Amino acid sequence: QTTEWIKEYRQSKPGLEVLQNQIDHFVTDYEQKMEQERKAKEALVAEGGWTVVQHHKGRKKTTDSESGIAVGSVAQAAVENKLAKKKPQLGLDFYRFQKREALRNEIMELQTKFEEDKKRLQQLRAARKFRPY
């Protein structure tokens, strides 16, 4: 009885060649079917001069020209820009006192620059004085 089961099992599992033939047959049938559908659509278009419009759900997918990878309708640069903006900037001004210090330093720098500019302007004005002789 066990030999019958073994025979049944072996018959139910085809070899690699048989399986490859079945796959090839299935693929060729599918391609022929798709070709017939395409020809039927072309015939409908040519028949009355009308274009048959079909609705496709989902967004349009495009392929990236360099890598050949399917990319959504959003531009790659926009995606990279968005990812760059999302990165948290835990840097110099993490604590409140650091923010106050940075602001104080910035104000001090602006004041010193302002004083230097005032001195420079005074020197330029003094150099412009009218001296006829």
C-alpha atoms as a PDB file:
ATOM      1  CA  GLN A   1       0.000   0.000   0.000  1.00  0.00           C
ATOM      2  CA  THR A   2       2.857   2.389   0.736  1.00  0.00           C
ATOM      3  CA  THR A   3       4.252   1.890  -2.752  1.00  0.00           C
ATOM      4  CA  GLU A   4       0.935   3.082  -4.216  1.00  0.00           C
ATOM      5  CA  TRP A   5       1.146   6.245  -2.129  1.00  0.00           C
ATOM      6  CA  ILE A   6       4.716   6.807  -3.234  1.00  0.00           C
ATOM      7  CA  LYS A   7       3.686   6.369  -6.896  1.00  0.00           C
ATOM      8  CA  GLU A   8       0.779   8.775  -6.414  1.00  0.00           C
ATOM      9  CA  TYR A   9       3.043  11.332  -4.774  1.00  0.00           C
ATOM     10  CA  ARG A  10       5.677  11.109  -7.509  1.00  0.00           C
ATOM     11  CA  GLN A  11       3.048  11.422 -10.234  1.00  0.00           C
ATOM     12  CA  SER A  12       1.557  14.508  -8.577  1.00  0.00           C
ATOM     13  CA  LYS A  13       4.999  16.216  -8.568  1.00  0.00           C
ATOM     14  CA  PRO A  14       6.163  16.766 -12.155  1.00  0.00           C
ATOM     15  CA  GLY A  15       9.831  17.053 -12.997  1.00  0.00           C
ATOM     16  CA  LEU A  16      11.633  20.314 -13.773  1.00  0.00           C
ATOM     17  CA  GLU A  17      11.297  19.912 -17.550  1.00  0.00           C
ATOM     18  CA  VAL A  18       7.548  19.302 -17.378  1.00  0.00           C
ATOM     19  CA  LEU A  19       7.115  22.239 -15.011  1.00  0.00           C
ATOM     20  CA  GLN A  20       9.181  24.528 -17.285  1.00  0.00           C
ATOM     21  CA  ASN A  21       7.056  23.482 -20.289  1.00  0.00           C
ATOM     22  CA  GLN A  22       3.863  24.278 -18.367  1.00  0.00           C
ATOM     23  CA  ILE A  23       5.194  27.696 -17.387  1.00  0.00           C
ATOM     24  CA  ASP A  24       6.281  28.484 -20.955  1.00  0.00           C
ATOM     25  CA  HIS A  25       2.886  27.416 -22.297  1.00  0.00           C
ATOM     26  CA  PHE A  26       1.077  29.592 -19.729  1.00  0.00           C
ATOM     27  CA  VAL A  27       3.227  32.656 -20.506  1.00  0.00           C
ATOM     28  CA  THR A  28       2.779  32.340 -24.281  1.00  0.00           C
ATOM     29  CA  ASP A  29      -0.992  31.944 -23.862  1.00  0.00           C
ATOM     30  CA  TYR A  30      -1.115  35.050 -21.667  1.00  0.00           C
ATOM     31  CA  GLU A  31       0.931  37.088 -24.135  1.00  0.00           C
ATOM     32  CA  GLN A  32      -1.336  36.010 -27.006  1.00  0.00           C
ATOM     33  CA  LYS A  33      -4.401  36.977 -24.994  1.00  0.00           C
ATOM     34  CA  MET A  34      -2.964  40.424 -24.215  1.00  0.00           C
ATOM     35  CA  GLU A  35      -2.038  40.906 -27.892  1.00  0.00           C
ATOM     36  CA  GLN A  36      -5.603  40.025 -28.955  1.00  0.00           C
ATOM     37  CA  GLU A  37      -7.037  42.519 -26.466  1.00  0.00           C
ATOM     38  CA  ARG A  38      -4.685  45.229 -27.747  1.00  0.00           C
ATOM     39  CA  LYS A  39      -5.661  44.517 -31.351  1.00  0.00           C
ATOM     40  CA  ALA A  40      -9.352  44.611 -30.423  1.00  0.00           C
ATOM     41  CA  LYS A  41      -8.880  48.048 -28.831  1.00  0.00           C
ATOM     42  CA  GLU A  42      -7.018  49.297 -31.901  1.00  0.00           C
ATOM     43  CA  ALA A  43      -9.802  47.997 -34.115  1.00  0.00           C
ATOM     44  CA  LEU A  44     -12.381  49.897 -32.032  1.00  0.00           C
ATOM     45  CA  VAL A  45     -10.359  53.083 -32.373  1.00  0.00           C
ATOM     46  CA  ALA A  46      -9.893  52.652 -36.120  1.00  0.00           C
ATOM     47  CA  GLU A  47     -13.530  51.699 -36.673  1.00  0.00           C
ATOM     48  CA  GLY A  48     -15.258  54.965 -35.803  1.00  0.00           C
ATOM     49  CA  GLY A  49     -12.372  57.332 -35.308  1.00  0.00           C
ATOM     50  CA  TRP A  50     -13.176  57.479 -31.594  1.00  0.00           C
ATOM     51  CA  THR A  51     -10.707  57.035 -28.787  1.00  0.00           C
ATOM     52  CA  VAL A  52     -11.670  54.574 -26.080  1.00  0.00           C
ATOM     53  CA  VAL A  53     -10.885  56.046 -22.667  1.00  0.00           C
ATOM     54  CA  GLN A  54     -10.366  53.762 -19.701  1.00  0.00           C
ATOM     55  CA  HIS A  55     -10.125  54.647 -16.037  1.00  0.00           C
ATOM     56  CA  HIS A  56      -7.154  53.318 -14.116  1.00  0.00           C
ATOM     57  CA  LYS A  57      -7.217  53.478 -10.338  1.00  0.00           C
ATOM     58  CA  GLY A  58      -4.197  54.670  -8.419  1.00  0.00           C
ATOM     59  CA  ARG A  59      -1.560  57.210  -9.227  1.00  0.00           C
ATOM     60  CA  LYS A  60       0.540  57.138 -12.348  1.00  0.00           C
ATOM     61  CA  LYS A  61       3.923  55.565 -11.880  1.00  0.00           C
ATOM     62  CA  THR A  62       6.967  56.695 -13.761  1.00  0.00           C
ATOM     63  CA  THR A  63      10.382  55.146 -13.942  1.00  0.00           C
ATOM     64  CA  ASP A  64      13.565  56.871 -12.954  1.00  0.00           C
ATOM     65  CA  SER A  65      15.648  57.255 -16.114  1.00  0.00           C
ATOM     66  CA  GLU A  66      18.971  56.591 -14.383  1.00  0.00           C
ATOM     67  CA  SER A  67      18.134  53.648 -12.160  1.00  0.00           C
ATOM     68  CA  GLY A  68      15.024  52.265 -13.864  1.00  0.00           C
ATOM     69  CA  ILE A  69      13.233  52.141 -10.514  1.00  0.00           C
ATOM     70  CA  ALA A  70       9.543  52.978 -10.421  1.00  0.00           C
ATOM     71  CA  VAL A  71       9.051  56.353  -8.789  1.00  0.00           C
ATOM     72  CA  GLY A  72       5.785  57.978  -7.771  1.00  0.00           C
ATOM     73  CA  SER A  73       4.532  61.144  -9.400  1.00  0.00           C
ATOM     74  CA  VAL A  74       6.394  63.254  -6.838  1.00  0.00           C
ATOM     75  CA  ALA A  75       9.746  64.545  -8.046  1.00  0.00           C
ATOM     76  CA  GLN A  76      12.779  62.909  -6.463  1.00  0.00           C
ATOM     77  CA  ALA A  77      14.305  66.276  -5.570  1.00  0.00           C
ATOM     78  CA  ALA A  78      11.207  67.261  -3.619  1.00  0.00           C
ATOM     79  CA  VAL A  79      11.332  64.009  -1.642  1.00  0.00           C
ATOM     80  CA  GLU A  80      15.009  64.500  -0.805  1.00  0.00           C
ATOM     81  CA  ASN A  81      14.355  68.106   0.208  1.00  0.00           C
ATOM     82  CA  LYS A  82      11.533  67.018   2.508  1.00  0.00           C
ATOM     83  CA  LEU A  83      13.731  64.368   4.133  1.00  0.00           C
ATOM     84  CA  ALA A  84      16.503  66.909   4.648  1.00  0.00           C
ATOM     85  CA  LYS A  85      14.100  69.283   6.384  1.00  0.00           C
ATOM     86  CA  LYS A  86      12.795  66.586   8.731  1.00  0.00           C
ATOM     87  CA  LYS A  87      16.157  65.905  10.379  1.00  0.00           C
ATOM     88  CA  PRO A  88      16.090  67.404  13.868  1.00  0.00           C
ATOM     89  CA  GLN A  89      18.750  70.012  14.505  1.00  0.00           C
ATOM     90  CA  LEU A  90      19.925  69.287  18.045  1.00  0.00           C
ATOM     91  CA  GLY A  91      22.845  71.602  18.053  1.00  0.00           C
ATOM     92  CA  LEU A  92      24.198  74.579  19.873  1.00  0.00           C
ATOM     93  CA  ASP A  93      20.952  76.066  21.162  1.00  0.00           C
ATOM     94  CA  PHE A  94      19.361  73.169  22.942  1.00  0.00           C
ATOM     95  CA  TYR A  95      18.873  74.751  26.363  1.00  0.00           C
ATOM     96  CA  ARG A  96      17.107  78.036  27.022  1.00  0.00           C
ATOM     97  CA  PHE A  97      20.179  79.716  28.553  1.00  0.00           C
ATOM     98  CA  GLN A  98      22.177  78.824  25.435  1.00  0.00           C
ATOM     99  CA  LYS A  99      19.598  80.524  23.247  1.00  0.00           C
ATOM    100  CA  ARG A 100      19.713  83.640  25.436  1.00  0.00           C
ATOM    101  CA  GLU A 101      23.514  83.643  25.359  1.00  0.00           C
ATOM    102  CA  ALA A 102      23.593  83.308  21.574  1.00  0.00           C
ATOM    103  CA  LEU A 103      21.114  86.171  21.207  1.00  0.00           C
ATOM    104  CA  ARG A 104      23.127  88.345  23.617  1.00  0.00           C
ATOM    105  CA  ASN A 105      26.354  87.623  21.705  1.00  0.00           C
ATOM    106  CA  GLU A 106      24.701  88.462  18.403  1.00  0.00           C
ATOM    107  CA  ILE A 107      23.456  91.801  19.785  1.00  0.00           C
ATOM    108  CA  MET A 108      26.917  92.604  21.164  1.00  0.00           C
ATOM    109  CA  GLU A 109      28.497  91.893  17.755  1.00  0.00           C
ATOM    110  CA  LEU A 110      25.973  94.117  16.009  1.00  0.00           C
ATOM    111  CA  GLN A 111      26.659  96.937  18.473  1.00  0.00           C
ATOM    112  CA  THR A 112      30.442  96.717  17.995  1.00  0.00           C
ATOM    113  CA  LYS A 113      30.031  96.686  14.210  1.00  0.00           C
ATOM    114  CA  PHE A 114      27.739  99.691  14.454  1.00  0.00           C
ATOM    115  CA  GLU A 115      30.303 101.624  16.536  1.00  0.00           C
ATOM    116  CA  GLU A 116      33.092 100.737  14.079  1.00  0.00           C
ATOM    117  CA  ASP A 117      30.958 101.909  11.155  1.00  0.00           C
ATOM    118  CA  LYS A 118      30.210 105.188  12.935  1.00  0.00           C
ATOM    119  CA  LYS A 119      33.941 105.814  13.478  1.00  0.00           C
ATOM    120  CA  ARG A 120      34.728 104.964   9.861  1.00  0.00           C
ATOM    121  CA  LEU A 121      32.005 107.345   8.623  1.00  0.00           C
ATOM    122  CA  GLN A 122      33.360 110.150  10.816  1.00  0.00           C
ATOM    123  CA  GLN A 123      36.831 109.590   9.374  1.00  0.00           C
ATOM    124  CA  LEU A 124      35.493 109.641   5.819  1.00  0.00           C
ATOM    125  CA  ARG A 125      33.561 112.850   6.502  1.00  0.00           C
ATOM    126  CA  ALA A 126      36.659 114.458   8.032  1.00  0.00           C
ATOM    127  CA  ALA A 127      38.697 113.508   4.975  1.00  0.00           C
ATOM    128  CA  ARG A 128      36.129 115.199   2.692  1.00  0.00           C
ATOM    129  CA  LYS A 129      36.508 118.653   4.223  1.00  0.00           C
ATOM    130  CA  PHE A 130      37.046 121.384   1.653  1.00  0.00           C
ATOM    131  CA  ARG A 131      40.625 122.633   1.701  1.00  0.00           C
ATOM    132  CA  PRO A 132      41.291 125.120  -1.115  1.00  0.00           C
ATOM    133  CA  TYR A 133      45.069 125.504  -0.386  1.00  0.00           C
END
